[in-house]
Amino acid sequence: MLIRIISLLSGALLMAPVVTVAANDAPIMISNLSPLAALRGLPTQRHADVQLGSIVTVSQSLSNHFTVEESGDESLMLDGQTDVLSASLRYGFNPHWDIEVTLPWVQHSRGFMDPLISDWHAFLGLPNGNREAYPVNELQYRLHQPRHEAALNNRVSGLGDVQVALSRNMSLKEGPQVALSVGMKTATGEEADWLGSGATDYWALARVSGDYSGRVPLVWHGQIGMTRAGVSDLMDLNQKRSLWFGGVSLAWPFRDKWSLLAQIDAHSALGDGNLNALTRPAGILSMALRWHVSPKWTWDLGFSEDLVVESAPDITFMLTARYVASP
């Protein structure tokens, strides 16, 4: 169902009339920060256009996890908070080429959001996932499978897995912008602390971006790609190494300096076995408010929820600043 929704949205976007796209109309900078999904090289969405000069993006994300599942001889518990401070530098060295480096600083901790989320669920009449049966604001990551055990229960922080990507804009005229990109996730994060996978991943993808200039102006983006992941000791032998990913993003500039954004991101299951959290595709719905401070500066404030239950954090809050430098 999730793949069908993305396909329908992508088709509708490709049929819309378009004009050129500005760097400040970029998608929301969000990824799946669930402790196991975050180990994989699944690149965030971005605009397909290439600009000469530098674009610097700094994003702070706070993600709350609560997944408790047991099936047969397998069990999974993810209870804690992941905070990621990510800095991205993109440099357009040619009208059609740019290179991007992303450095994440990752922290796993007990956090502070459990009571807020339980109160929010109660206010909306939503199920609370049996949170009340477990200690509040605890850190407990544990994956148990036959002949495999991985766990983390102490607060840790450090450099995560650095990502590098090279992109080429394939468009030769105004209209929809199409780009191809290849990239890699390095093994710079400490695997024992769940800060990285301990392996190098590679990906290739295609992106498309454009504007709809009708009565309700919209900026749209889409991407689809494949990742070939290295073997991580934090996951058992059933881990999947060939992963698809994709997403669509919409921005509505409802005021001169303000935009509302909605975005869907998805990727394939992380592995095989009996645990739904690892064997079902992941889906994330994100929304954000963007303030265009100036032609060079934008600020985003937003959140994301798991569309496919337990495939992503219960909720992620994000604050992002983006600066577009002159070439």
C-alpha atoms as a PDB file:
ATOM      1  CA  MET A   1       0.000   0.000   0.000  1.00  0.00           C
ATOM      2  CA  LEU A   2       2.770   2.447   0.914  1.00  0.00           C
ATOM      3  CA  ILE A   3       4.612   1.798  -2.356  1.00  0.00           C
ATOM      4  CA  ARG A   4       1.356   2.302  -4.268  1.00  0.00           C
ATOM      5  CA  ILE A   5       0.743   5.668  -2.560  1.00  0.00           C
ATOM      6  CA  ILE A   6       4.256   6.866  -3.446  1.00  0.00           C
ATOM      7  CA  SER A   7       3.822   5.706  -7.057  1.00  0.00           C
ATOM      8  CA  LEU A   8       0.510   7.556  -7.430  1.00  0.00           C
ATOM      9  CA  LEU A   9       1.907  10.739  -5.907  1.00  0.00           C
ATOM     10  CA  SER A  10       5.006  10.563  -8.099  1.00  0.00           C
ATOM     11  CA  GLY A  11       2.893  10.139 -11.228  1.00  0.00           C
ATOM     12  CA  ALA A  12       0.709  13.100 -10.322  1.00  0.00           C
ATOM     13  CA  LEU A  13       3.758  15.270  -9.696  1.00  0.00           C
ATOM     14  CA  LEU A  14       5.367  14.391 -13.010  1.00  0.00           C
ATOM     15  CA  MET A  15       2.190  15.439 -14.874  1.00  0.00           C
ATOM     16  CA  ALA A  16       2.089  18.899 -13.254  1.00  0.00           C
ATOM     17  CA  PRO A  17       3.233  22.045 -15.099  1.00  0.00           C
ATOM     18  CA  VAL A  18       6.568  23.233 -13.805  1.00  0.00           C
ATOM     19  CA  VAL A  19       9.060  26.076 -13.673  1.00  0.00           C
ATOM     20  CA  THR A  20      12.558  26.273 -12.261  1.00  0.00           C
ATOM     21  CA  VAL A  21      13.374  25.325  -8.670  1.00  0.00           C
ATOM     22  CA  ALA A  22      15.352  27.324  -6.097  1.00  0.00           C
ATOM     23  CA  ALA A  23      17.695  25.810  -3.516  1.00  0.00           C
ATOM     24  CA  ASN A  24      15.581  27.251  -0.693  1.00  0.00           C
ATOM     25  CA  ASP A  25      12.656  25.047  -1.787  1.00  0.00           C
ATOM     26  CA  ALA A  26      14.492  21.863  -0.730  1.00  0.00           C
ATOM     27  CA  PRO A  27      12.731  18.868   0.880  1.00  0.00           C
ATOM     28  CA  ILE A  28      12.736  18.284   4.621  1.00  0.00           C
ATOM     29  CA  MET A  29      16.091  16.931   5.805  1.00  0.00           C
ATOM     30  CA  ILE A  30      14.869  13.810   7.612  1.00  0.00           C
ATOM     31  CA  SER A  31      15.899  10.152   7.732  1.00  0.00           C
ATOM     32  CA  ASN A  32      14.831   7.053   9.640  1.00  0.00           C
ATOM     33  CA  LEU A  33      16.599   7.381  13.008  1.00  0.00           C
ATOM     34  CA  SER A  34      15.330   4.115  14.449  1.00  0.00           C
ATOM     35  CA  PRO A  35      18.498   2.618  16.012  1.00  0.00           C
ATOM     36  CA  LEU A  36      18.789  -0.224  13.483  1.00  0.00           C
ATOM     37  CA  ALA A  37      17.519   1.576  10.370  1.00  0.00           C
ATOM     38  CA  ALA A  38      19.906   4.450  11.080  1.00  0.00           C
ATOM     39  CA  LEU A  39      22.810   2.034  10.581  1.00  0.00           C
ATOM     40  CA  ARG A  40      22.038   1.816   6.857  1.00  0.00           C
ATOM     41  CA  GLY A  41      23.059   4.260   4.143  1.00  0.00           C
ATOM     42  CA  LEU A  42      19.635   5.603   3.180  1.00  0.00           C
ATOM     43  CA  PRO A  43      20.153   9.155   1.854  1.00  0.00           C
ATOM     44  CA  THR A  44      17.757  11.980   2.653  1.00  0.00           C
ATOM     45  CA  GLN A  45      15.757  13.732  -0.033  1.00  0.00           C
ATOM     46  CA  ARG A  46      17.097  16.934  -1.627  1.00  0.00           C
ATOM     47  CA  HIS A  47      16.339  19.051  -4.686  1.00  0.00           C
ATOM     48  CA  ALA A  48      17.586  17.839  -8.050  1.00  0.00           C
ATOM     49  CA  ASP A  49      18.887  21.253  -9.092  1.00  0.00           C
ATOM     50  CA  VAL A  50      22.622  21.964  -8.846  1.00  0.00           C
ATOM     51  CA  GLN A  51      23.838  25.419  -7.809  1.00  0.00           C
ATOM     52  CA  LEU A  52      27.328  26.820  -8.095  1.00  0.00           C
ATOM     53  CA  GLY A  53      28.919  27.602  -4.752  1.00  0.00           C
ATOM     54  CA  SER A  54      28.191  26.228  -1.290  1.00  0.00           C
ATOM     55  CA  ILE A  55      25.053  25.222   0.588  1.00  0.00           C
ATOM     56  CA  VAL A  56      25.459  24.563   4.317  1.00  0.00           C
ATOM     57  CA  THR A  57      22.721  22.735   6.233  1.00  0.00           C
ATOM     58  CA  VAL A  58      22.699  22.104   9.989  1.00  0.00           C
ATOM     59  CA  SER A  59      19.911  19.997  11.494  1.00  0.00           C
ATOM     60  CA  GLN A  60      19.092  18.882  15.042  1.00  0.00           C
ATOM     61  CA  SER A  61      16.756  15.891  15.440  1.00  0.00           C
ATOM     62  CA  LEU A  62      15.302  14.309  18.593  1.00  0.00           C
ATOM     63  CA  SER A  63      13.732  10.865  18.115  1.00  0.00           C
ATOM     64  CA  ASN A  64      11.787   8.843  20.676  1.00  0.00           C
ATOM     65  CA  HIS A  65      11.681   5.048  20.327  1.00  0.00           C
ATOM     66  CA  PHE A  66       9.407   2.461  21.889  1.00  0.00           C
ATOM     67  CA  THR A  67       9.228  -0.953  20.247  1.00  0.00           C
ATOM     68  CA  VAL A  68       8.705  -4.187  22.177  1.00  0.00           C
ATOM     69  CA  GLU A  69       8.208  -7.331  20.114  1.00  0.00           C
ATOM     70  CA  GLU A  70       8.676 -11.056  20.667  1.00  0.00           C
ATOM     71  CA  SER A  71       7.982 -13.752  18.118  1.00  0.00           C
ATOM     72  CA  GLY A  72       9.191 -17.328  18.343  1.00  0.00           C
ATOM     73  CA  ASP A  73      12.865 -17.331  19.284  1.00  0.00           C
ATOM     74  CA  GLU A  74      13.366 -13.670  18.321  1.00  0.00           C
ATOM     75  CA  SER A  75      12.815 -10.511  20.351  1.00  0.00           C
ATOM     76  CA  LEU A  76      13.421  -6.792  19.927  1.00  0.00           C
ATOM     77  CA  MET A  77      13.292  -3.914  22.393  1.00  0.00           C
ATOM     78  CA  LEU A  78      14.013  -0.323  21.409  1.00  0.00           C
ATOM     79  CA  ASP A  79      13.291   2.054  24.279  1.00  0.00           C
ATOM     80  CA  GLY A  80      15.200   5.329  24.377  1.00  0.00           C
ATOM     81  CA  GLN A  81      15.980   8.561  22.593  1.00  0.00           C
ATOM     82  CA  THR A  82      18.334   9.310  19.710  1.00  0.00           C
ATOM     83  CA  ASP A  83      19.585  12.865  19.174  1.00  0.00           C
ATOM     84  CA  VAL A  84      21.444  13.662  15.955  1.00  0.00           C
ATOM     85  CA  LEU A  85      23.207  16.913  15.115  1.00  0.00           C
ATOM     86  CA  SER A  86      23.945  16.749  11.401  1.00  0.00           C
ATOM     87  CA  ALA A  87      26.056  19.158   9.342  1.00  0.00           C
ATOM     88  CA  SER A  88      26.022  18.976   5.547  1.00  0.00           C
ATOM     89  CA  LEU A  89      28.266  20.880   3.133  1.00  0.00           C
ATOM     90  CA  ARG A  90      27.333  20.799  -0.538  1.00  0.00           C
ATOM     91  CA  TYR A  91      29.578  22.404  -3.160  1.00  0.00           C
ATOM     92  CA  GLY A  92      28.606  22.985  -6.768  1.00  0.00           C
ATOM     93  CA  PHE A  93      31.876  23.013  -8.690  1.00  0.00           C
ATOM     94  CA  ASN A  94      30.210  22.966 -12.120  1.00  0.00           C
ATOM     95  CA  PRO A  95      26.752  24.011 -13.434  1.00  0.00           C
ATOM     96  CA  HIS A  96      25.817  20.311 -13.538  1.00  0.00           C
ATOM     97  CA  TRP A  97      27.896  18.736 -10.747  1.00  0.00           C
ATOM     98  CA  ASP A  98      28.061  18.984  -6.963  1.00  0.00           C
ATOM     99  CA  ILE A  99      29.606  17.025  -4.115  1.00  0.00           C
ATOM    100  CA  GLU A 100      28.142  16.739  -0.624  1.00  0.00           C
ATOM    101  CA  VAL A 101      29.595  15.619   2.712  1.00  0.00           C
ATOM    102  CA  THR A 102      27.379  14.965   5.752  1.00  0.00           C
ATOM    103  CA  LEU A 103      28.775  14.597   9.273  1.00  0.00           C
ATOM    104  CA  PRO A 104      26.407  13.344  12.008  1.00  0.00           C
ATOM    105  CA  TRP A 105      26.986  13.588  15.758  1.00  0.00           C
ATOM    106  CA  VAL A 106      24.832  10.914  17.403  1.00  0.00           C
ATOM    107  CA  GLN A 107      23.699  10.421  20.993  1.00  0.00           C
ATOM    108  CA  HIS A 108      21.668   7.523  22.430  1.00  0.00           C
ATOM    109  CA  SER A 109      20.224   8.257  25.874  1.00  0.00           C
ATOM    110  CA  ARG A 110      17.248   7.748  28.191  1.00  0.00           C
ATOM    111  CA  GLY A 111      15.835  11.035  26.963  1.00  0.00           C
ATOM    112  CA  PHE A 112      12.951  13.015  28.412  1.00  0.00           C
ATOM    113  CA  MET A 113      10.011  12.649  26.004  1.00  0.00           C
ATOM    114  CA  ASP A 114       8.220   9.527  27.321  1.00  0.00           C
ATOM    115  CA  PRO A 115       5.712  11.399  29.569  1.00  0.00           C
ATOM    116  CA  LEU A 116       4.975  13.945  26.833  1.00  0.00           C
ATOM    117  CA  ILE A 117       4.224  11.223  24.288  1.00  0.00           C
ATOM    118  CA  SER A 118       2.031   9.239  26.699  1.00  0.00           C
ATOM    119  CA  ASP A 119       0.038  12.398  27.513  1.00  0.00           C
ATOM    120  CA  TRP A 120      -0.294  13.171  23.803  1.00  0.00           C
ATOM    121  CA  HIS A 121      -1.603   9.663  23.073  1.00  0.00           C
ATOM    122  CA  ALA A 122      -4.099   9.984  25.934  1.00  0.00           C
ATOM    123  CA  PHE A 123      -5.273  13.407  24.729  1.00  0.00           C
ATOM    124  CA  LEU A 124      -5.941  12.103  21.197  1.00  0.00           C
ATOM    125  CA  GLY A 125      -7.314   8.760  22.356  1.00  0.00           C
ATOM    126  CA  LEU A 126      -4.517   6.871  20.613  1.00  0.00           C
ATOM    127  CA  PRO A 127      -3.062   3.533  21.765  1.00  0.00           C
ATOM    128  CA  ASN A 128       0.020   3.916  23.939  1.00  0.00           C
ATOM    129  CA  GLY A 129       1.786   0.712  22.909  1.00  0.00           C
ATOM    130  CA  ASN A 130       1.822  -0.630  26.505  1.00  0.00           C
ATOM    131  CA  ARG A 131       4.315   2.087  27.508  1.00  0.00           C
ATOM    132  CA  GLU A 132       2.780   2.256  30.982  1.00  0.00           C
ATOM    133  CA  ALA A 133       4.096  -1.248  31.738  1.00  0.00           C
ATOM    134  CA  TYR A 134       7.728  -0.133  31.389  1.00  0.00           C
ATOM    135  CA  PRO A 135       9.962   2.360  33.233  1.00  0.00           C
ATOM    136  CA  VAL A 136       9.773   5.967  32.060  1.00  0.00           C
ATOM    137  CA  ASN A 137      12.728   7.478  30.190  1.00  0.00           C
ATOM    138  CA  GLU A 138      14.871   4.341  30.049  1.00  0.00           C
ATOM    139  CA  LEU A 139      17.562   3.334  27.548  1.00  0.00           C
ATOM    140  CA  GLN A 140      17.257  -0.272  26.441  1.00  0.00           C
ATOM    141  CA  TYR A 141      18.174  -1.392  22.939  1.00  0.00           C
ATOM    142  CA  ARG A 142      18.261  -5.153  22.550  1.00  0.00           C
ATOM    143  CA  LEU A 143      18.009  -7.486  19.564  1.00  0.00           C
ATOM    144  CA  HIS A 144      17.912 -11.232  20.239  1.00  0.00           C
ATOM    145  CA  GLN A 145      17.870 -13.776  17.433  1.00  0.00           C
ATOM    146  CA  PRO A 146      19.196 -17.335  17.155  1.00  0.00           C
ATOM    147  CA  ARG A 147      22.973 -17.227  17.584  1.00  0.00           C
ATOM    148  CA  HIS A 148      22.869 -13.416  17.713  1.00  0.00           C
ATOM    149  CA  GLU A 149      22.632 -10.830  20.481  1.00  0.00           C
ATOM    150  CA  ALA A 150      23.166  -7.052  20.366  1.00  0.00           C
ATOM    151  CA  ALA A 151      22.396  -4.665  23.209  1.00  0.00           C
ATOM    152  CA  LEU A 152      22.951  -1.130  24.458  1.00  0.00           C
ATOM    153  CA  ASN A 153      21.831   0.246  27.822  1.00  0.00           C
ATOM    154  CA  ASN A 154      24.333   3.010  28.594  1.00  0.00           C
ATOM    155  CA  ARG A 155      24.284   6.589  27.316  1.00  0.00           C
ATOM    156  CA  VAL A 156      26.727   7.023  24.413  1.00  0.00           C
ATOM    157  CA  SER A 157      27.596   9.781  21.976  1.00  0.00           C
ATOM    158  CA  GLY A 158      30.075  10.353  19.187  1.00  0.00           C
ATOM    159  CA  LEU A 159      30.626  10.750  15.477  1.00  0.00           C
ATOM    160  CA  GLY A 160      28.280   8.665  13.352  1.00  0.00           C
ATOM    161  CA  ASP A 161      28.856   7.308   9.865  1.00  0.00           C
ATOM    162  CA  VAL A 162      29.979  10.098   7.520  1.00  0.00           C
ATOM    163  CA  GLN A 163      28.280  10.212   4.104  1.00  0.00           C
ATOM    164  CA  VAL A 164      29.692  11.454   0.788  1.00  0.00           C
ATOM    165  CA  ALA A 165      27.663  11.891  -2.416  1.00  0.00           C
ATOM    166  CA  LEU A 166      28.303  13.074  -5.975  1.00  0.00           C
ATOM    167  CA  SER A 167      25.336  14.367  -8.012  1.00  0.00           C
ATOM    168  CA  ARG A 168      24.848  15.376 -11.638  1.00  0.00           C
ATOM    169  CA  ASN A 169      21.915  17.412 -12.949  1.00  0.00           C
ATOM    170  CA  MET A 170      20.821  15.847 -16.240  1.00  0.00           C
ATOM    171  CA  SER A 171      18.433  18.630 -17.347  1.00  0.00           C
ATOM    172  CA  LEU A 172      19.488  20.842 -20.247  1.00  0.00           C
ATOM    173  CA  LYS A 173      16.608  23.340 -20.126  1.00  0.00           C
ATOM    174  CA  GLU A 174      14.112  24.938 -17.778  1.00  0.00           C
ATOM    175  CA  GLY A 175      11.333  22.734 -16.482  1.00  0.00           C
ATOM    176  CA  PRO A 176      11.542  19.558 -14.396  1.00  0.00           C
ATOM    177  CA  GLN A 177      15.037  19.101 -13.018  1.00  0.00           C
ATOM    178  CA  VAL A 178      16.335  15.523 -13.110  1.00  0.00           C
ATOM    179  CA  ALA A 179      19.511  14.403 -11.357  1.00  0.00           C
ATOM    180  CA  LEU A 180      21.458  11.199 -10.813  1.00  0.00           C
ATOM    181  CA  SER A 181      23.577  10.619  -7.731  1.00  0.00           C
ATOM    182  CA  VAL A 182      25.947   8.043  -6.269  1.00  0.00           C
ATOM    183  CA  GLY A 183      27.198   8.007  -2.717  1.00  0.00           C
ATOM    184  CA  MET A 184      28.612   6.079   0.173  1.00  0.00           C
ATOM    185  CA  LYS A 185      28.188   5.811   3.919  1.00  0.00           C
ATOM    186  CA  THR A 186      31.516   5.253   5.614  1.00  0.00           C
ATOM    187  CA  ALA A 187      32.224   3.222   8.761  1.00  0.00           C
ATOM    188  CA  THR A 188      33.345   6.109  10.997  1.00  0.00           C
ATOM    189  CA  GLY A 189      30.811   5.504  13.797  1.00  0.00           C
ATOM    190  CA  GLU A 190      31.651   3.210  16.726  1.00  0.00           C
ATOM    191  CA  GLU A 191      29.766  -0.018  16.061  1.00  0.00           C
ATOM    192  CA  ALA A 192      29.818  -1.238  19.673  1.00  0.00           C
ATOM    193  CA  ASP A 193      28.004   1.956  20.725  1.00  0.00           C
ATOM    194  CA  TRP A 194      25.373   1.716  17.959  1.00  0.00           C
ATOM    195  CA  LEU A 195      26.779   4.917  16.433  1.00  0.00           C
ATOM    196  CA  GLY A 196      27.542   3.205  13.121  1.00  0.00           C
ATOM    197  CA  SER A 197      27.148  -0.082  11.291  1.00  0.00           C
ATOM    198  CA  GLY A 198      30.838  -0.964  11.148  1.00  0.00           C
ATOM    199  CA  ALA A 199      30.543  -1.352   7.367  1.00  0.00           C
ATOM    200  CA  THR A 200      30.531   0.773   4.219  1.00  0.00           C
ATOM    201  CA  ASP A 201      27.324   1.168   2.196  1.00  0.00           C
ATOM    202  CA  TYR A 202      26.957   2.395  -1.400  1.00  0.00           C
ATOM    203  CA  TRP A 203      23.909   3.822  -3.159  1.00  0.00           C
ATOM    204  CA  ALA A 204      22.685   5.108  -6.509  1.00  0.00           C
ATOM    205  CA  LEU A 205      19.529   7.155  -7.034  1.00  0.00           C
ATOM    206  CA  ALA A 206      17.500   9.405  -9.309  1.00  0.00           C
ATOM    207  CA  ARG A 207      15.813  12.664  -8.274  1.00  0.00           C
ATOM    208  CA  VAL A 208      13.275  14.961  -9.930  1.00  0.00           C
ATOM    209  CA  SER A 209      12.118  18.441  -8.849  1.00  0.00           C
ATOM    210  CA  GLY A 210       9.776  21.122 -10.138  1.00  0.00           C
ATOM    211  CA  ASP A 211       7.155  23.790  -9.423  1.00  0.00           C
ATOM    212  CA  TYR A 212       3.409  23.740  -9.968  1.00  0.00           C
ATOM    213  CA  SER A 213       2.247  27.274 -10.794  1.00  0.00           C
ATOM    214  CA  GLY A 214      -1.528  26.855 -10.553  1.00  0.00           C
ATOM    215  CA  ARG A 215      -3.984  28.509  -8.147  1.00  0.00           C
ATOM    216  CA  VAL A 216      -2.247  26.772  -5.249  1.00  0.00           C
ATOM    217  CA  PRO A 217       1.503  27.030  -5.973  1.00  0.00           C
ATOM    218  CA  LEU A 218       3.476  23.950  -5.008  1.00  0.00           C
ATOM    219  CA  VAL A 219       7.115  22.918  -5.122  1.00  0.00           C
ATOM    220  CA  TRP A 220       7.596  19.173  -5.476  1.00  0.00           C
ATOM    221  CA  HIS A 221      10.414  16.656  -5.296  1.00  0.00           C
ATOM    222  CA  GLY A 222      10.792  12.905  -5.630  1.00  0.00           C
ATOM    223  CA  GLN A 223      13.577  10.360  -5.411  1.00  0.00           C
ATOM    224  CA  ILE A 224      14.059   6.626  -5.801  1.00  0.00           C
ATOM    225  CA  GLY A 225      17.173   4.498  -5.444  1.00  0.00           C
ATOM    226  CA  MET A 226      18.983   1.400  -4.228  1.00  0.00           C
ATOM    227  CA  THR A 227      21.543   0.842  -1.480  1.00  0.00           C
ATOM    228  CA  ARG A 228      24.047  -1.997  -1.281  1.00  0.00           C
ATOM    229  CA  ALA A 229      24.843  -2.296   2.415  1.00  0.00           C
ATOM    230  CA  GLY A 230      27.843  -3.874   4.079  1.00  0.00           C
ATOM    231  CA  VAL A 231      27.523  -6.580   6.728  1.00  0.00           C
ATOM    232  CA  SER A 232      26.887  -5.176  10.211  1.00  0.00           C
ATOM    233  CA  ASP A 233      27.631  -7.219  13.321  1.00  0.00           C
ATOM    234  CA  LEU A 234      24.730  -5.465  15.072  1.00  0.00           C
ATOM    235  CA  MET A 235      22.303  -7.435  12.892  1.00  0.00           C
ATOM    236  CA  ASP A 236      22.135 -11.187  12.367  1.00  0.00           C
ATOM    237  CA  LEU A 237      22.708 -13.229   9.209  1.00  0.00           C
ATOM    238  CA  ASN A 238      19.146 -12.481   8.032  1.00  0.00           C
ATOM    239  CA  GLN A 239      20.000  -8.814   7.435  1.00  0.00           C
ATOM    240  CA  LYS A 240      19.143  -7.574   3.951  1.00  0.00           C
ATOM    241  CA  ARG A 241      21.966  -5.947   2.035  1.00  0.00           C
ATOM    242  CA  SER A 242      20.097  -4.765  -1.060  1.00  0.00           C
ATOM    243  CA  LEU A 243      17.620  -2.068  -0.018  1.00  0.00           C
ATOM    244  CA  TRP A 244      15.304   0.159  -2.047  1.00  0.00           C
ATOM    245  CA  PHE A 245      14.301   3.609  -0.864  1.00  0.00           C
ATOM    246  CA  GLY A 246      12.129   6.426  -2.168  1.00  0.00           C
ATOM    247  CA  GLY A 247      10.067   9.436  -1.270  1.00  0.00           C
ATOM    248  CA  VAL A 248       8.040  12.449  -2.371  1.00  0.00           C
ATOM    249  CA  SER A 249       7.942  15.962  -0.927  1.00  0.00           C
ATOM    250  CA  LEU A 250       5.591  18.950  -1.341  1.00  0.00           C
ATOM    251  CA  ALA A 251       6.052  22.576  -0.267  1.00  0.00           C
ATOM    252  CA  TRP A 252       3.259  25.167  -0.278  1.00  0.00           C
ATOM    253  CA  PRO A 253       4.545  28.782  -0.141  1.00  0.00           C
ATOM    254  CA  PHE A 254       1.421  30.267   1.465  1.00  0.00           C
ATOM    255  CA  ARG A 255       3.104  33.596   2.360  1.00  0.00           C
ATOM    256  CA  ASP A 256       6.067  35.530   0.977  1.00  0.00           C
ATOM    257  CA  LYS A 257       8.397  34.207   3.673  1.00  0.00           C
ATOM    258  CA  TRP A 258       6.563  31.078   4.832  1.00  0.00           C
ATOM    259  CA  SER A 259       6.012  27.587   3.448  1.00  0.00           C
ATOM    260  CA  LEU A 260       4.297  24.441   4.692  1.00  0.00           C
ATOM    261  CA  LEU A 261       5.945  21.131   3.798  1.00  0.00           C
ATOM    262  CA  ALA A 262       4.674  17.557   3.749  1.00  0.00           C
ATOM    263  CA  GLN A 263       6.825  14.570   2.906  1.00  0.00           C
ATOM    264  CA  ILE A 264       6.717  10.772   2.712  1.00  0.00           C
ATOM    265  CA  ASP A 265       9.849   8.622   2.916  1.00  0.00           C
ATOM    266  CA  ALA A 266      10.003   4.846   2.633  1.00  0.00           C
ATOM    267  CA  HIS A 267      12.526   2.032   2.378  1.00  0.00           C
ATOM    268  CA  SER A 268      12.552  -1.738   2.217  1.00  0.00           C
ATOM    269  CA  ALA A 269      12.604  -4.076   5.186  1.00  0.00           C
ATOM    270  CA  LEU A 270      15.905  -4.407   7.035  1.00  0.00           C
ATOM    271  CA  GLY A 271      15.909  -8.188   7.258  1.00  0.00           C
ATOM    272  CA  ASP A 272      14.105 -11.514   7.255  1.00  0.00           C
ATOM    273  CA  GLY A 273      12.769 -13.448  10.219  1.00  0.00           C
ATOM    274  CA  ASN A 274       9.806 -13.195  12.599  1.00  0.00           C
ATOM    275  CA  LEU A 275       9.994  -9.589  13.835  1.00  0.00           C
ATOM    276  CA  ASN A 276       7.573  -7.204  12.134  1.00  0.00           C
ATOM    277  CA  ALA A 277       9.737  -4.188  12.968  1.00  0.00           C
ATOM    278  CA  LEU A 278      12.545  -5.628  10.829  1.00  0.00           C
ATOM    279  CA  THR A 279      10.649  -7.514   8.117  1.00  0.00           C
ATOM    280  CA  ARG A 280       8.160  -4.849   6.992  1.00  0.00           C
ATOM    281  CA  PRO A 281       8.964  -1.850   4.764  1.00  0.00           C
ATOM    282  CA  ALA A 282       9.355   1.414   6.650  1.00  0.00           C
ATOM    283  CA  GLY A 283       7.218   4.487   6.076  1.00  0.00           C
ATOM    284  CA  ILE A 284       7.634   7.980   7.534  1.00  0.00           C
ATOM    285  CA  LEU A 285       5.329  11.003   7.280  1.00  0.00           C
ATOM    286  CA  SER A 286       6.976  14.379   7.954  1.00  0.00           C
ATOM    287  CA  MET A 287       5.589  17.908   8.168  1.00  0.00           C
ATOM    288  CA  ALA A 288       7.412  21.205   8.679  1.00  0.00           C
ATOM    289  CA  LEU A 289       6.995  24.969   8.702  1.00  0.00           C
ATOM    290  CA  ARG A 290       9.682  26.846   6.770  1.00  0.00           C
ATOM    291  CA  TRP A 291      10.684  30.470   7.342  1.00  0.00           C
ATOM    292  CA  HIS A 292      12.482  32.123   4.422  1.00  0.00           C
ATOM    293  CA  VAL A 293      14.488  34.616   6.451  1.00  0.00           C
ATOM    294  CA  SER A 294      16.255  35.931   3.342  1.00  0.00           C
ATOM    295  CA  PRO A 295      17.186  34.646  -0.130  1.00  0.00           C
ATOM    296  CA  LYS A 296      20.161  32.926   1.512  1.00  0.00           C
ATOM    297  CA  TRP A 297      18.727  31.723   4.853  1.00  0.00           C
ATOM    298  CA  THR A 298      15.869  29.353   5.721  1.00  0.00           C
ATOM    299  CA  TRP A 299      14.769  27.749   8.992  1.00  0.00           C
ATOM    300  CA  ASP A 300      12.588  24.618   9.290  1.00  0.00           C
ATOM    301  CA  LEU A 301      10.672  23.420  12.351  1.00  0.00           C
ATOM    302  CA  GLY A 302       8.935  20.086  11.977  1.00  0.00           C
ATOM    303  CA  PHE A 303       8.212  16.547  13.079  1.00  0.00           C
ATOM    304  CA  SER A 304       7.839  13.057  11.644  1.00  0.00           C
ATOM    305  CA  GLU A 305       5.721  10.023  12.568  1.00  0.00           C
ATOM    306  CA  ASP A 306       5.939   6.362  11.631  1.00  0.00           C
ATOM    307  CA  LEU A 307       3.383   5.562   8.914  1.00  0.00           C
ATOM    308  CA  VAL A 308       4.201   1.878   9.280  1.00  0.00           C
ATOM    309  CA  VAL A 309       4.014   1.215  13.020  1.00  0.00           C
ATOM    310  CA  GLU A 310       7.388   0.424  14.673  1.00  0.00           C
ATOM    311  CA  SER A 311       9.294   0.795  11.386  1.00  0.00           C
ATOM    312  CA  ALA A 312      10.599   4.226  12.476  1.00  0.00           C
ATOM    313  CA  PRO A 313      10.715   6.331  15.663  1.00  0.00           C
ATOM    314  CA  ASP A 314       7.390   7.027  17.389  1.00  0.00           C
ATOM    315  CA  ILE A 315       8.078  10.689  16.750  1.00  0.00           C
ATOM    316  CA  THR A 316      10.994  12.839  15.637  1.00  0.00           C
ATOM    317  CA  PHE A 317      11.253  16.588  16.198  1.00  0.00           C
ATOM    318  CA  MET A 318      13.629  18.560  13.990  1.00  0.00           C
ATOM    319  CA  LEU A 319      15.062  22.051  13.638  1.00  0.00           C
ATOM    320  CA  THR A 320      17.041  22.834  10.480  1.00  0.00           C
ATOM    321  CA  ALA A 321      18.964  25.888   9.261  1.00  0.00           C
ATOM    322  CA  ARG A 322      20.110  26.199   5.645  1.00  0.00           C
ATOM    323  CA  TYR A 323      22.471  28.803   4.178  1.00  0.00           C
ATOM    324  CA  VAL A 324      23.019  29.252   0.439  1.00  0.00           C
ATOM    325  CA  ALA A 325      26.349  30.981  -0.199  1.00  0.00           C
ATOM    326  CA  SER A 326      27.144  32.988  -3.303  1.00  0.00           C
ATOM    327  CA  PRO A 327      29.285  31.166  -5.882  1.00  0.00           C
END
